[in-house]
Amino acid sequence: MHLTFSDEFNAAAESKQSAQQDAERAKFLVEQALQDKKSTIIRAQGEAISAELIGKSMNPAYIELKRIEAARRIAETLSTSRNRAFLDSDTLMLNLARPMNQKLAKLDERKI
């Protein structure tokens, strides 16, 4: 005995299976979006804590260290570049021979 189903029944079964697959896909996308949301929140909290810690550690010595590190990175970039650049170190605040407080005073004078 051989059973066959009508075309309408087969179409309904395929439609149901397709709907189930779409529902599973939608469920997966919702779960993925929730995970992305959690990840974004955790990352933002970490960045906020980092910013707070950096803000608390902002003292003249730390600022001077960061300024020297920036000057070193800029010097390395310029030294490996094939282009020629002529820069004023006072404008870039990279004149490392002069203490930072003198540089800030000079900038204040320019504003007046």
C-alpha atoms as a PDB file:
ATOM      1  CA  MET A   1       0.000   0.000   0.000  1.00  0.00           C
ATOM      2  CA  HIS A   2       1.387   3.348  -1.018  1.00  0.00           C
ATOM      3  CA  LEU A   3       0.232   6.551   0.655  1.00  0.00           C
ATOM      4  CA  THR A   4       0.577   9.923  -0.961  1.00  0.00           C
ATOM      5  CA  PHE A   5      -0.403  13.271   0.390  1.00  0.00           C
ATOM      6  CA  SER A   6      -2.136  15.981  -1.518  1.00  0.00           C
ATOM      7  CA  ASP A   7      -0.183  18.920  -2.911  1.00  0.00           C
ATOM      8  CA  GLU A   8      -1.957  21.197  -0.456  1.00  0.00           C
ATOM      9  CA  PHE A   9      -0.874  19.071   2.482  1.00  0.00           C
ATOM     10  CA  ASN A  10       2.749  18.987   1.251  1.00  0.00           C
ATOM     11  CA  ALA A  11       2.725  22.759   0.731  1.00  0.00           C
ATOM     12  CA  ALA A  12       1.335  23.258   4.250  1.00  0.00           C
ATOM     13  CA  ALA A  13       4.010  20.994   5.753  1.00  0.00           C
ATOM     14  CA  GLU A  14       6.779  22.848   3.901  1.00  0.00           C
ATOM     15  CA  SER A  15       5.293  26.173   4.950  1.00  0.00           C
ATOM     16  CA  LYS A  16       5.194  25.048   8.592  1.00  0.00           C
ATOM     17  CA  GLN A  17       8.805  23.868   8.439  1.00  0.00           C
ATOM     18  CA  SER A  18       9.880  27.142   6.830  1.00  0.00           C
ATOM     19  CA  ALA A  19       8.026  29.120   9.518  1.00  0.00           C
ATOM     20  CA  GLN A  20       9.740  27.088  12.243  1.00  0.00           C
ATOM     21  CA  GLN A  21      13.141  27.770  10.677  1.00  0.00           C
ATOM     22  CA  ASP A  22      12.335  31.481  10.451  1.00  0.00           C
ATOM     23  CA  ALA A  23      11.278  31.485  14.113  1.00  0.00           C
ATOM     24  CA  GLU A  24      14.522  29.753  15.134  1.00  0.00           C
ATOM     25  CA  ARG A  25      16.546  32.247  13.078  1.00  0.00           C
ATOM     26  CA  ALA A  26      14.697  35.160  14.691  1.00  0.00           C
ATOM     27  CA  LYS A  27      15.273  33.667  18.141  1.00  0.00           C
ATOM     28  CA  PHE A  28      18.980  33.344  17.381  1.00  0.00           C
ATOM     29  CA  LEU A  29      19.155  36.958  16.184  1.00  0.00           C
ATOM     30  CA  VAL A  30      17.429  38.177  19.350  1.00  0.00           C
ATOM     31  CA  GLU A  31      19.844  36.189  21.531  1.00  0.00           C
ATOM     32  CA  GLN A  32      22.788  37.541  19.539  1.00  0.00           C
ATOM     33  CA  ALA A  33      21.489  41.106  19.938  1.00  0.00           C
ATOM     34  CA  LEU A  34      21.160  40.589  23.698  1.00  0.00           C
ATOM     35  CA  GLN A  35      24.724  39.300  23.888  1.00  0.00           C
ATOM     36  CA  ASP A  36      25.936  42.291  21.856  1.00  0.00           C
ATOM     37  CA  LYS A  37      24.047  44.601  24.203  1.00  0.00           C
ATOM     38  CA  LYS A  38      25.632  42.976  27.261  1.00  0.00           C
ATOM     39  CA  SER A  39      29.055  43.165  25.638  1.00  0.00           C
ATOM     40  CA  THR A  40      28.602  46.854  24.844  1.00  0.00           C
ATOM     41  CA  ILE A  41      27.485  47.606  28.399  1.00  0.00           C
ATOM     42  CA  ILE A  42      30.429  45.729  29.908  1.00  0.00           C
ATOM     43  CA  ARG A  43      32.875  47.453  27.550  1.00  0.00           C
ATOM     44  CA  ALA A  44      31.411  50.876  28.393  1.00  0.00           C
ATOM     45  CA  GLN A  45      31.634  50.155  32.116  1.00  0.00           C
ATOM     46  CA  GLY A  46      35.267  49.123  31.711  1.00  0.00           C
ATOM     47  CA  GLU A  47      36.054  52.269  29.759  1.00  0.00           C
ATOM     48  CA  ALA A  48      34.314  54.379  32.403  1.00  0.00           C
ATOM     49  CA  ILE A  49      36.377  52.766  35.155  1.00  0.00           C
ATOM     50  CA  SER A  50      39.514  53.246  33.075  1.00  0.00           C
ATOM     51  CA  ALA A  51      38.714  56.922  32.498  1.00  0.00           C
ATOM     52  CA  GLU A  52      38.037  57.392  36.198  1.00  0.00           C
ATOM     53  CA  LEU A  53      41.346  55.769  37.160  1.00  0.00           C
ATOM     54  CA  ILE A  54      43.235  57.833  34.599  1.00  0.00           C
ATOM     55  CA  GLY A  55      41.496  60.963  35.867  1.00  0.00           C
ATOM     56  CA  LYS A  56      42.525  60.156  39.440  1.00  0.00           C
ATOM     57  CA  SER A  57      46.110  59.538  38.389  1.00  0.00           C
ATOM     58  CA  MET A  58      46.408  62.808  36.462  1.00  0.00           C
ATOM     59  CA  ASN A  59      49.282  64.531  38.114  1.00  0.00           C
ATOM     60  CA  PRO A  60      52.034  66.626  36.547  1.00  0.00           C
ATOM     61  CA  ALA A  61      54.460  63.690  36.390  1.00  0.00           C
ATOM     62  CA  TYR A  62      51.915  61.483  34.616  1.00  0.00           C
ATOM     63  CA  ILE A  63      51.066  64.220  32.136  1.00  0.00           C
ATOM     64  CA  GLU A  64      54.760  64.804  31.450  1.00  0.00           C
ATOM     65  CA  LEU A  65      55.271  61.061  30.889  1.00  0.00           C
ATOM     66  CA  LYS A  66      52.390  60.933  28.410  1.00  0.00           C
ATOM     67  CA  ARG A  67      53.756  64.008  26.636  1.00  0.00           C
ATOM     68  CA  ILE A  68      57.182  62.396  26.293  1.00  0.00           C
ATOM     69  CA  GLU A  69      55.615  59.148  25.029  1.00  0.00           C
ATOM     70  CA  ALA A  70      53.614  61.102  22.434  1.00  0.00           C
ATOM     71  CA  ALA A  71      56.749  62.968  21.342  1.00  0.00           C
ATOM     72  CA  ARG A  72      58.590  59.657  20.963  1.00  0.00           C
ATOM     73  CA  ARG A  73      55.794  58.156  18.842  1.00  0.00           C
ATOM     74  CA  ILE A  74      55.649  61.236  16.631  1.00  0.00           C
ATOM     75  CA  ALA A  75      59.438  61.262  16.232  1.00  0.00           C
ATOM     76  CA  GLU A  76      59.437  57.573  15.290  1.00  0.00           C
ATOM     77  CA  THR A  77      56.685  58.122  12.725  1.00  0.00           C
ATOM     78  CA  LEU A  78      58.443  61.110  11.189  1.00  0.00           C
ATOM     79  CA  SER A  79      61.824  59.386  11.140  1.00  0.00           C
ATOM     80  CA  THR A  80      60.496  56.426   9.174  1.00  0.00           C
ATOM     81  CA  SER A  81      58.468  58.542   6.752  1.00  0.00           C
ATOM     82  CA  ARG A  82      59.819  59.175   3.261  1.00  0.00           C
ATOM     83  CA  ASN A  83      58.181  62.598   3.339  1.00  0.00           C
ATOM     84  CA  ARG A  84      59.864  65.677   4.715  1.00  0.00           C
ATOM     85  CA  ALA A  85      58.137  67.555   7.519  1.00  0.00           C
ATOM     86  CA  PHE A  86      59.152  70.827   9.144  1.00  0.00           C
ATOM     87  CA  LEU A  87      57.418  71.267  12.460  1.00  0.00           C
ATOM     88  CA  ASP A  88      57.596  73.837  15.223  1.00  0.00           C
ATOM     89  CA  SER A  89      58.118  71.923  18.453  1.00  0.00           C
ATOM     90  CA  ASP A  90      56.708  74.756  20.567  1.00  0.00           C
ATOM     91  CA  THR A  91      53.403  74.648  18.703  1.00  0.00           C
ATOM     92  CA  LEU A  92      53.233  70.881  19.098  1.00  0.00           C
ATOM     93  CA  MET A  93      54.275  71.192  22.758  1.00  0.00           C
ATOM     94  CA  LEU A  94      57.080  68.727  22.083  1.00  0.00           C
ATOM     95  CA  ASN A  95      60.014  70.866  23.134  1.00  0.00           C
ATOM     96  CA  LEU A  96      61.161  68.427  25.764  1.00  0.00           C
ATOM     97  CA  ALA A  97      64.016  70.615  26.976  1.00  0.00           C
ATOM     98  CA  ARG A  98      61.605  73.098  28.553  1.00  0.00           C
ATOM     99  CA  PRO A  99      59.448  71.997  31.524  1.00  0.00           C
ATOM    100  CA  MET A 100      55.735  71.604  30.925  1.00  0.00           C
ATOM    101  CA  ASN A 101      54.677  74.424  33.267  1.00  0.00           C
ATOM    102  CA  GLN A 102      56.683  76.925  31.188  1.00  0.00           C
ATOM    103  CA  LYS A 103      54.950  75.668  28.055  1.00  0.00           C
ATOM    104  CA  LEU A 104      51.535  76.075  29.625  1.00  0.00           C
ATOM    105  CA  ALA A 105      52.431  79.606  30.718  1.00  0.00           C
ATOM    106  CA  LYS A 106      53.478  80.413  27.140  1.00  0.00           C
ATOM    107  CA  LEU A 107      50.139  79.117  25.840  1.00  0.00           C
ATOM    108  CA  ASP A 108      48.291  81.238  28.394  1.00  0.00           C
ATOM    109  CA  GLU A 109      50.205  84.304  27.168  1.00  0.00           C
ATOM    110  CA  ARG A 110      49.099  83.581  23.594  1.00  0.00           C
ATOM    111  CA  LYS A 111      45.431  83.519  24.655  1.00  0.00           C
ATOM    112  CA  ILE A 112      45.634  86.968  26.231  1.00  0.00           C
END
